[in-house]
Amino acid sequence: MDTNLAAASSHVSFFFTVPIFLCNADAYSTMDDGSRISPQVESFLRKARAGDVADCRAQLTADPSLVNAVEAGGYSALHFAAFQGNLPMIELLKEFNTDWNVKNFDGNTPLMLAAKMAKNDAVSLLASSGADLNFASDKGTTAAHHAVGMGHLHTLRHLKSLGATTNFPRPLETGGLIHWASHHGEVDTVATLIYEFGVSIDDVDAHGGTALFNAVFTKKPELVLFLLEHGANPNIACGGCTPLILSVTHGTLDEVKALVAFGADATAEDVDGKTAVEHAKETNRADSARELTKEKVTGPKRLQEATRFKDHGNKVFGQGENNKAAKFYTLAISLDPTNHVFFSNRSACHYNTRQYLAGLWDAERCVALSPKWPKGYMRKAATLKMLNRVDDAKAACAAGLALDPANVDLRNLKTELDA
């Protein structure tokens, strides 16, 4: 493994583990030291895994100590019940004073497994019974990490409503929620964390890695572009390696192009003193080398080019060519990602083609770039309305009207929302 790949690998969290009790019916009976668990424990845990509440009640009545017994992977009856969302079993274990925060050998609690499997009712019952919503593994992993790692945003919202933390005050070994979401690779999940949960796009883990670094490492060019368009810093290094160097050595040409377009420093060196250009030449990646060494458009000319693309977009937009217009606005954004109008215009394209989430994220970025521009709130409110998020749409409308009470589009939209 070369230096740059090792640096990237050092902070990657592999969270898609399958519980041992689902893999091998016999594996949970043998402990790490080779000894077998007692027949009574084995019988109880098999029944718990099978969801047999009546049999488990009988065994617990005869021997209450079974309630916190574990198999070879550290899974207890409560782990099984939480993973499966078995509410009657959880209630039974509650009667016998189960340990709500018992950890398996991976450091996962029953609440974490319930969150991972999007068992929201089980999450509620566990939390109300004594499970710690913010209990963390040795590396900092919480139930919220498991929910977002699987893309379960409804479960993450549920956890937060119950009191779970979604922003962490210090860099974690496991990374923050945005690191787990970036491994998952879903743009909408990452965007929701940024714009709904207020997670920093440049949140770093204990090794200095960011969501952008993860997206490059896992070869998610769509997510790489989204992060760059929405303000991710392309020059934050992790372990002496930059996202650009990693994209040259292990990524895709599209990632290289995006990083260069958004200001990645091609002269930055890794821990071995090599730049992205040197790596491209050493690995015979001529396409990347050409991209890195071509003359860049800078200064006023760059802004002029961005305006030219925007004007082309406006022309074809007026002709009803929404998809083509969106491509021109994307080119404009790559040249000037701080221009709120480009995001507003592309949001309109997405709205017209019923890509409402994409339209929402562009509207959010527009508002973030120019919070005193009323039209951005109109774009946001319109897409939220189509996503049936009426209360949020009303709030966006109100924010826009506070800036411009006479705005006709916002007033008309408010009337529609109030109807």
Protein backbone atom coordinates (compact mmCIF):
# COMPACT_ATOMS: atom_id res chain seq x y z
CA MET A 1 0.00 0.00 0.00
CA ASP A 2 1.48 3.38 -0.99
CA THR A 3 1.76 6.35 1.35
CA ASN A 4 -1.28 8.23 0.04
CA LEU A 5 -3.61 5.26 0.09
CA ALA A 6 -2.42 4.41 3.60
CA ALA A 7 -3.17 7.96 4.71
CA ALA A 8 -6.65 7.74 3.22
CA SER A 9 -7.30 4.31 4.70
CA SER A 10 -6.24 5.35 8.19
CA HIS A 11 -9.45 7.23 8.90
CA VAL A 12 -12.02 5.19 6.98
CA SER A 13 -14.72 3.78 9.23
CA PHE A 14 -16.08 0.43 8.10
CA PHE A 15 -19.50 0.33 9.69
CA PHE A 16 -21.46 -2.13 7.57
CA THR A 17 -20.79 -5.08 9.84
CA VAL A 18 -23.27 -7.94 9.96
CA PRO A 19 -24.13 -9.25 13.43
CA ILE A 20 -22.62 -12.65 14.02
CA PHE A 21 -25.98 -14.09 15.01
CA LEU A 22 -27.24 -13.53 11.47
CA CYS A 23 -24.24 -15.18 9.85
CA ASN A 24 -23.85 -18.49 11.60
CA ALA A 25 -26.35 -20.21 13.83
CA ASP A 26 -23.57 -21.94 15.79
CA ALA A 27 -20.96 -19.19 15.89
CA TYR A 28 -22.39 -17.47 18.95
CA SER A 29 -21.96 -20.51 21.21
CA THR A 30 -18.14 -20.51 21.29
CA MET A 31 -16.29 -17.76 23.17
CA ASP A 32 -12.97 -16.25 22.09
CA ASP A 33 -11.03 -18.47 24.49
CA GLY A 34 -12.52 -21.58 22.91
CA SER A 35 -14.92 -22.32 25.72
CA ARG A 36 -18.61 -22.76 25.06
CA ILE A 37 -21.37 -20.83 26.75
CA SER A 38 -23.59 -22.82 29.07
CA PRO A 39 -26.52 -24.79 27.62
CA GLN A 40 -28.92 -22.56 29.55
CA VAL A 41 -27.47 -19.37 28.06
CA GLU A 42 -27.32 -20.88 24.60
CA SER A 43 -30.95 -21.99 24.80
CA PHE A 44 -32.10 -18.59 26.05
CA LEU A 45 -30.26 -16.63 23.38
CA ARG A 46 -31.51 -18.89 20.61
CA LYS A 47 -35.07 -18.26 21.76
CA ALA A 48 -34.39 -14.54 22.06
CA ARG A 49 -32.97 -14.47 18.55
CA ALA A 50 -36.07 -16.30 17.32
CA GLY A 51 -38.30 -13.77 19.08
CA ASP A 52 -40.00 -16.36 21.27
CA VAL A 53 -41.30 -14.14 24.06
CA ALA A 54 -43.21 -16.86 25.91
CA ASP A 55 -40.26 -19.25 26.11
CA CYS A 56 -37.90 -16.41 27.12
CA ARG A 57 -40.28 -15.39 29.89
CA ALA A 58 -40.31 -18.95 31.23
CA GLN A 59 -36.49 -19.15 31.18
CA LEU A 60 -36.07 -15.73 32.78
CA THR A 61 -38.54 -16.61 35.50
CA ALA A 62 -36.47 -19.69 36.30
CA ASP A 63 -33.13 -17.84 36.06
CA PRO A 64 -33.32 -14.00 35.97
CA SER A 65 -29.52 -13.74 35.47
CA LEU A 66 -30.02 -14.80 31.85
CA VAL A 67 -31.33 -11.34 31.01
CA ASN A 68 -27.83 -9.93 30.42
CA ALA A 69 -26.15 -13.10 29.14
CA VAL A 70 -24.18 -12.70 25.92
CA GLU A 71 -22.93 -14.90 23.09
CA ALA A 72 -19.47 -15.00 21.53
CA GLY A 73 -19.85 -11.63 19.83
CA GLY A 74 -21.13 -9.96 22.97
CA TYR A 75 -24.74 -9.83 21.75
CA SER A 76 -27.40 -10.03 24.44
CA ALA A 77 -31.10 -10.77 24.12
CA LEU A 78 -31.69 -7.01 24.06
CA HIS A 79 -29.37 -6.65 21.06
CA PHE A 80 -31.43 -9.25 19.20
CA ALA A 81 -34.72 -7.60 20.12
CA ALA A 82 -33.52 -4.10 19.20
CA PHE A 83 -32.08 -5.23 15.87
CA GLN A 84 -35.38 -6.87 14.98
CA GLY A 85 -37.57 -4.14 16.47
CA ASN A 86 -39.27 -6.72 18.70
CA LEU A 87 -41.18 -4.49 21.15
CA PRO A 88 -42.79 -7.29 23.22
CA MET A 89 -39.36 -8.82 23.77
CA ILE A 90 -37.93 -5.46 24.84
CA GLU A 91 -40.81 -5.02 27.28
CA LEU A 92 -40.15 -8.49 28.69
CA LEU A 93 -36.46 -7.79 29.20
CA LYS A 94 -37.40 -4.51 30.86
CA GLU A 95 -39.37 -6.45 33.47
CA PHE A 96 -36.19 -8.34 34.38
CA ASN A 97 -33.99 -5.23 34.65
CA THR A 98 -31.93 -5.61 31.49
CA ASP A 99 -28.81 -3.49 30.98
CA TRP A 100 -29.96 -0.85 28.48
CA ASN A 101 -26.45 0.16 27.46
CA VAL A 102 -24.82 -3.27 27.21
CA LYS A 103 -22.11 -3.28 24.53
CA ASN A 104 -21.27 -6.11 22.18
CA PHE A 105 -17.64 -6.73 21.31
CA ASP A 106 -17.81 -4.12 18.53
CA GLY A 107 -18.84 -1.52 21.11
CA ASN A 108 -22.43 -1.33 19.82
CA THR A 109 -25.40 -0.99 22.13
CA PRO A 110 -28.94 -2.24 21.41
CA LEU A 111 -29.99 1.34 20.65
CA MET A 112 -27.30 1.56 17.98
CA LEU A 113 -28.60 -1.59 16.31
CA ALA A 114 -32.19 -0.33 16.42
CA ALA A 115 -31.05 2.93 14.78
CA LYS A 116 -29.05 1.06 12.16
CA MET A 117 -32.12 -0.95 11.20
CA ALA A 118 -34.44 2.11 11.34
CA LYS A 119 -36.59 0.54 14.06
CA ASN A 120 -37.96 3.84 15.31
CA ASP A 121 -40.51 2.37 17.71
CA ALA A 122 -37.75 0.32 19.30
CA VAL A 123 -35.59 3.44 19.51
CA SER A 124 -38.38 5.22 21.38
CA LEU A 125 -38.95 2.36 23.79
CA LEU A 126 -35.24 1.90 24.48
CA ALA A 127 -34.71 5.62 25.07
CA SER A 128 -37.71 5.97 27.36
CA SER A 129 -36.58 2.93 29.34
CA GLY A 130 -33.07 4.14 30.07
CA ALA A 131 -30.90 3.68 26.98
CA ASP A 132 -28.40 6.53 26.60
CA LEU A 133 -29.12 8.29 23.29
CA ASN A 134 -25.56 9.62 23.14
CA PHE A 135 -23.71 6.54 24.37
CA ALA A 136 -20.51 6.32 22.31
CA SER A 137 -18.14 3.52 21.45
CA ASP A 138 -14.42 3.88 22.18
CA LYS A 139 -14.03 5.55 18.77
CA GLY A 140 -16.97 7.89 19.31
CA THR A 141 -19.64 6.06 17.33
CA THR A 142 -23.22 6.76 18.45
CA ALA A 143 -26.68 5.61 17.41
CA ALA A 144 -26.89 8.72 15.20
CA HIS A 145 -23.82 7.53 13.27
CA HIS A 146 -25.44 4.18 12.58
CA ALA A 147 -28.66 5.80 11.39
CA VAL A 148 -26.97 8.20 8.99
CA GLY A 149 -24.49 5.56 7.83
CA MET A 150 -27.42 3.59 6.44
CA GLY A 151 -29.12 6.69 5.03
CA HIS A 152 -31.99 6.54 7.56
CA LEU A 153 -32.71 10.25 7.83
CA HIS A 154 -36.14 9.68 9.39
CA THR A 155 -34.43 7.74 12.18
CA LEU A 156 -31.83 10.48 12.61
CA ARG A 157 -34.60 13.06 12.94
CA HIS A 158 -36.32 10.82 15.45
CA LEU A 159 -33.14 10.42 17.49
CA LYS A 160 -32.58 14.17 17.50
CA SER A 161 -36.17 14.80 18.62
CA LEU A 162 -35.49 12.53 21.59
CA GLY A 163 -32.30 14.39 22.50
CA ALA A 164 -29.51 12.77 20.49
CA THR A 165 -26.49 14.86 19.52
CA THR A 166 -25.85 15.41 15.80
CA ASN A 167 -22.91 17.81 16.07
CA PHE A 168 -19.84 16.83 18.07
CA PRO A 169 -17.54 19.33 19.81
CA ARG A 170 -14.26 17.57 18.99
CA PRO A 171 -12.88 15.47 16.12
CA LEU A 172 -13.75 11.81 16.58
CA GLU A 173 -11.77 8.73 15.62
CA THR A 174 -14.87 7.44 13.86
CA GLY A 175 -15.58 10.82 12.28
CA GLY A 176 -18.73 12.91 12.48
CA LEU A 177 -22.08 12.17 10.89
CA ILE A 178 -21.02 13.72 7.60
CA HIS A 179 -18.10 11.29 7.36
CA TRP A 180 -20.45 8.32 7.68
CA ALA A 181 -22.87 9.87 5.21
CA SER A 182 -20.08 10.46 2.71
CA HIS A 183 -19.13 6.78 2.89
CA HIS A 184 -22.75 5.98 2.09
CA GLY A 185 -22.36 8.30 -0.92
CA GLU A 186 -25.90 9.68 -1.08
CA VAL A 187 -25.90 13.37 -1.97
CA ASP A 188 -29.29 13.96 -0.37
CA THR A 189 -28.13 12.50 2.94
CA VAL A 190 -25.03 14.71 3.02
CA ALA A 191 -27.04 17.75 1.93
CA THR A 192 -29.62 17.16 4.65
CA LEU A 193 -26.89 17.05 7.28
CA ILE A 194 -25.49 20.36 6.03
CA TYR A 195 -28.70 22.30 5.55
CA GLU A 196 -31.12 20.74 8.05
CA PHE A 197 -28.83 19.61 10.85
CA GLY A 198 -26.23 22.34 10.52
CA VAL A 199 -23.25 20.00 10.21
CA SER A 200 -20.10 21.69 8.91
CA ILE A 201 -19.21 20.62 5.39
CA ASP A 202 -15.52 20.67 6.42
CA ASP A 203 -15.94 18.80 9.71
CA VAL A 204 -12.73 16.83 10.33
CA ASP A 205 -12.18 13.49 12.01
CA ALA A 206 -9.34 12.74 14.42
CA HIS A 207 -6.98 12.22 11.47
CA GLY A 208 -7.90 15.47 9.68
CA GLY A 209 -10.08 13.79 7.08
CA THR A 210 -13.21 15.47 5.66
CA ALA A 211 -16.30 14.33 3.80
CA LEU A 212 -14.64 15.46 0.56
CA PHE A 213 -11.65 13.24 1.27
CA ASN A 214 -13.98 10.31 1.92
CA ALA A 215 -15.94 10.93 -1.27
CA VAL A 216 -12.75 10.91 -3.33
CA PHE A 217 -11.48 7.80 -1.54
CA THR A 218 -14.70 5.90 -2.20
CA LYS A 219 -14.94 7.18 -5.80
CA LYS A 220 -18.19 9.10 -5.56
CA PRO A 221 -17.74 11.80 -8.25
CA GLU A 222 -21.31 13.09 -7.92
CA LEU A 223 -20.80 13.68 -4.21
CA VAL A 224 -17.36 15.19 -4.82
CA LEU A 225 -18.91 17.75 -7.17
CA PHE A 226 -21.76 18.51 -4.78
CA LEU A 227 -19.40 19.11 -1.87
CA LEU A 228 -17.19 21.40 -3.93
CA GLU A 229 -20.14 23.38 -5.29
CA HIS A 230 -21.47 23.84 -1.78
CA GLY A 231 -18.27 25.19 -0.32
CA ALA A 232 -16.01 22.30 0.73
CA ASN A 233 -12.36 23.24 1.05
CA PRO A 234 -10.44 21.22 -1.58
CA ASN A 235 -7.07 21.77 0.11
CA ILE A 236 -7.55 20.29 3.58
CA ALA A 237 -4.91 17.58 3.86
CA CYS A 238 -5.26 14.29 5.69
CA GLY A 239 -2.12 12.48 6.77
CA GLY A 240 -0.07 14.63 4.41
CA CYS A 241 -2.25 13.76 1.42
CA THR A 242 -4.67 16.14 -0.34
CA PRO A 243 -7.92 15.17 -2.06
CA LEU A 244 -6.33 16.11 -5.40
CA ILE A 245 -3.33 13.83 -4.93
CA LEU A 246 -5.63 11.01 -3.85
CA SER A 247 -7.87 11.54 -6.90
CA VAL A 248 -4.85 11.34 -9.19
CA THR A 249 -3.48 8.17 -7.64
CA HIS A 250 -6.70 6.31 -6.82
CA GLY A 251 -9.68 8.32 -8.03
CA THR A 252 -11.33 9.22 -11.30
CA LEU A 253 -10.63 11.82 -13.97
CA ASP A 254 -13.97 13.49 -13.23
CA GLU A 255 -12.86 13.97 -9.63
CA VAL A 256 -9.55 15.46 -10.79
CA LYS A 257 -11.36 17.88 -13.09
CA ALA A 258 -13.80 18.95 -10.39
CA LEU A 259 -11.08 19.50 -7.79
CA VAL A 260 -8.96 21.54 -10.20
CA ALA A 261 -11.97 23.61 -11.25
CA PHE A 262 -12.76 24.49 -7.64
CA GLY A 263 -9.27 25.55 -6.69
CA ALA A 264 -7.37 22.48 -5.55
CA ASP A 265 -3.67 23.29 -5.30
CA ALA A 266 -1.80 21.19 -7.85
CA THR A 267 1.54 22.26 -6.33
CA ALA A 268 0.77 20.89 -2.85
CA GLU A 269 3.11 18.07 -1.82
CA ASP A 270 2.39 14.85 0.05
CA VAL A 271 4.54 13.41 2.85
CA ASP A 272 7.00 12.15 0.24
CA GLY A 273 7.41 15.61 -1.26
CA LYS A 274 5.53 14.77 -4.47
CA THR A 275 2.83 16.84 -6.15
CA ALA A 276 -0.28 15.66 -7.96
CA VAL A 277 1.43 16.31 -11.30
CA GLU A 278 4.40 14.14 -10.36
CA HIS A 279 2.08 11.34 -9.27
CA ALA A 280 0.13 11.58 -12.53
CA LYS A 281 3.32 11.23 -14.56
CA GLU A 282 4.68 8.38 -12.44
CA THR A 283 1.45 6.38 -12.80
CA ASN A 284 1.15 7.11 -16.53
CA ARG A 285 -2.14 8.94 -16.09
CA ALA A 286 -1.68 11.22 -19.03
CA ASP A 287 -5.27 12.50 -18.92
CA SER A 288 -4.85 13.68 -15.34
CA ALA A 289 -1.43 15.18 -16.10
CA ARG A 290 -2.93 17.20 -18.97
CA GLU A 291 -5.76 18.41 -16.74
CA LEU A 292 -3.32 19.50 -14.05
CA THR A 293 -0.92 21.31 -16.37
CA LYS A 294 -3.32 23.05 -18.75
CA GLU A 295 -3.50 26.82 -18.54
CA LYS A 296 -6.16 27.99 -16.09
CA VAL A 297 -8.60 30.82 -16.65
CA THR A 298 -8.13 33.30 -13.80
CA GLY A 299 -9.19 36.73 -12.59
CA PRO A 300 -11.75 38.83 -14.44
CA LYS A 301 -11.66 36.51 -17.45
CA ARG A 302 -12.87 33.66 -15.25
CA LEU A 303 -15.87 35.72 -14.13
CA GLN A 304 -16.56 36.73 -17.73
CA GLU A 305 -16.59 33.07 -18.75
CA ALA A 306 -18.97 32.29 -15.91
CA THR A 307 -21.32 35.06 -17.04
CA ARG A 308 -21.14 33.78 -20.62
CA PHE A 309 -22.23 30.31 -19.52
CA LYS A 310 -25.00 31.84 -17.42
CA ASP A 311 -26.24 33.82 -20.42
CA HIS A 312 -26.26 30.66 -22.55
CA GLY A 313 -28.23 28.97 -19.79
CA ASN A 314 -30.75 31.82 -19.67
CA LYS A 315 -31.24 31.59 -23.44
CA VAL A 316 -32.02 27.87 -23.54
CA PHE A 317 -34.02 28.13 -20.30
CA GLY A 318 -36.26 30.62 -22.06
CA GLN A 319 -36.73 28.02 -24.79
CA GLY A 320 -37.86 25.40 -22.28
CA GLU A 321 -34.59 23.45 -22.37
CA ASN A 322 -34.27 22.98 -18.61
CA ASN A 323 -31.74 20.15 -18.62
CA LYS A 324 -29.49 21.93 -21.08
CA ALA A 325 -29.79 25.16 -19.11
CA ALA A 326 -28.85 23.36 -15.89
CA LYS A 327 -25.62 22.16 -17.54
CA PHE A 328 -24.68 25.70 -18.50
CA TYR A 329 -25.38 26.93 -14.96
CA THR A 330 -23.24 24.09 -13.62
CA LEU A 331 -20.36 25.29 -15.80
CA ALA A 332 -20.91 28.82 -14.52
CA ILE A 333 -20.81 27.57 -10.93
CA SER A 334 -17.51 25.78 -11.55
CA LEU A 335 -16.00 29.12 -12.53
CA ASP A 336 -17.66 31.21 -9.83
CA PRO A 337 -19.17 29.11 -7.02
CA THR A 338 -19.89 32.23 -4.94
CA ASN A 339 -22.51 33.64 -7.32
CA HIS A 340 -25.92 33.05 -5.78
CA VAL A 341 -27.77 33.75 -9.03
CA PHE A 342 -26.26 30.70 -10.72
CA PHE A 343 -27.63 28.46 -7.98
CA SER A 344 -31.01 30.18 -8.13
CA ASN A 345 -31.26 29.65 -11.87
CA ARG A 346 -30.25 26.00 -11.65
CA SER A 347 -32.76 25.52 -8.84
CA ALA A 348 -35.46 26.72 -11.23
CA CYS A 349 -34.33 24.15 -13.80
CA HIS A 350 -34.55 21.36 -11.26
CA TYR A 351 -37.97 22.58 -10.16
CA ASN A 352 -39.28 22.53 -13.71
CA THR A 353 -38.00 18.96 -14.22
CA ARG A 354 -39.48 17.86 -10.87
CA GLN A 355 -36.09 17.21 -9.30
CA TYR A 356 -37.25 18.91 -6.15
CA LEU A 357 -34.52 17.81 -3.77
CA ALA A 358 -31.81 18.96 -6.17
CA GLY A 359 -33.73 22.21 -6.51
CA LEU A 360 -33.89 22.57 -2.75
CA TRP A 361 -30.15 22.13 -2.26
CA ASP A 362 -29.42 24.79 -4.89
CA ALA A 363 -31.94 27.11 -3.24
CA GLU A 364 -30.30 26.48 0.14
CA ARG A 365 -26.89 27.33 -1.28
CA CYS A 366 -28.32 30.44 -2.90
CA VAL A 367 -29.70 31.61 0.45
CA ALA A 368 -26.45 30.78 2.22
CA LEU A 369 -24.49 32.86 -0.29
CA SER A 370 -26.92 35.78 -0.30
CA PRO A 371 -29.16 35.68 2.79
CA LYS A 372 -30.64 39.12 2.05
CA TRP A 373 -31.85 38.25 -1.47
CA PRO A 374 -35.61 37.57 -1.36
CA LYS A 375 -35.72 35.47 -4.52
CA GLY A 376 -33.58 32.77 -2.91
CA TYR A 377 -36.29 32.26 -0.29
CA MET A 378 -38.90 32.04 -3.02
CA ARG A 379 -36.92 29.24 -4.69
CA LYS A 380 -36.56 27.48 -1.36
CA ALA A 381 -40.23 27.85 -0.42
CA ALA A 382 -41.41 26.64 -3.82
CA THR A 383 -39.37 23.43 -3.71
CA LEU A 384 -40.33 22.77 -0.08
CA LYS A 385 -43.98 23.11 -1.05
CA MET A 386 -43.57 20.45 -3.74
CA LEU A 387 -41.86 18.19 -1.19
CA ASN A 388 -44.98 18.54 1.02
CA ARG A 389 -42.96 20.31 3.72
CA VAL A 390 -45.59 23.00 4.12
CA ASP A 391 -44.48 24.40 7.48
CA ASP A 392 -40.90 24.75 6.26
CA ALA A 393 -42.15 26.36 3.04
CA LYS A 394 -44.17 28.88 5.08
CA ALA A 395 -41.09 29.69 7.15
CA ALA A 396 -39.02 30.29 4.00
CA CYS A 397 -41.78 32.49 2.60
CA ALA A 398 -41.92 34.51 5.80
CA ALA A 399 -38.15 35.01 5.73
CA GLY A 400 -38.33 36.30 2.17
CA LEU A 401 -41.27 38.59 2.84
CA ALA A 402 -39.47 40.04 5.85
CA LEU A 403 -36.87 41.28 3.39
CA ASP A 404 -39.33 42.37 0.69
CA PRO A 405 -42.96 42.60 1.89
CA ALA A 406 -44.16 43.64 -1.57
CA ASN A 407 -42.58 40.73 -3.45
CA VAL A 408 -45.35 39.47 -5.72
CA ASP A 409 -44.00 35.92 -6.17
CA LEU A 410 -43.58 35.41 -2.44
CA ARG A 411 -46.99 36.89 -1.64
CA ASN A 412 -48.68 34.63 -4.20
CA LEU A 413 -46.83 31.60 -2.86
CA LYS A 414 -47.84 32.52 0.69
CA THR A 415 -51.47 32.67 -0.40
CA GLU A 416 -51.18 29.18 -1.91
CA LEU A 417 -49.57 27.82 1.24
CA ASP A 418 -52.18 29.39 3.51
CA ALA A 419 -55.10 28.05 1.47
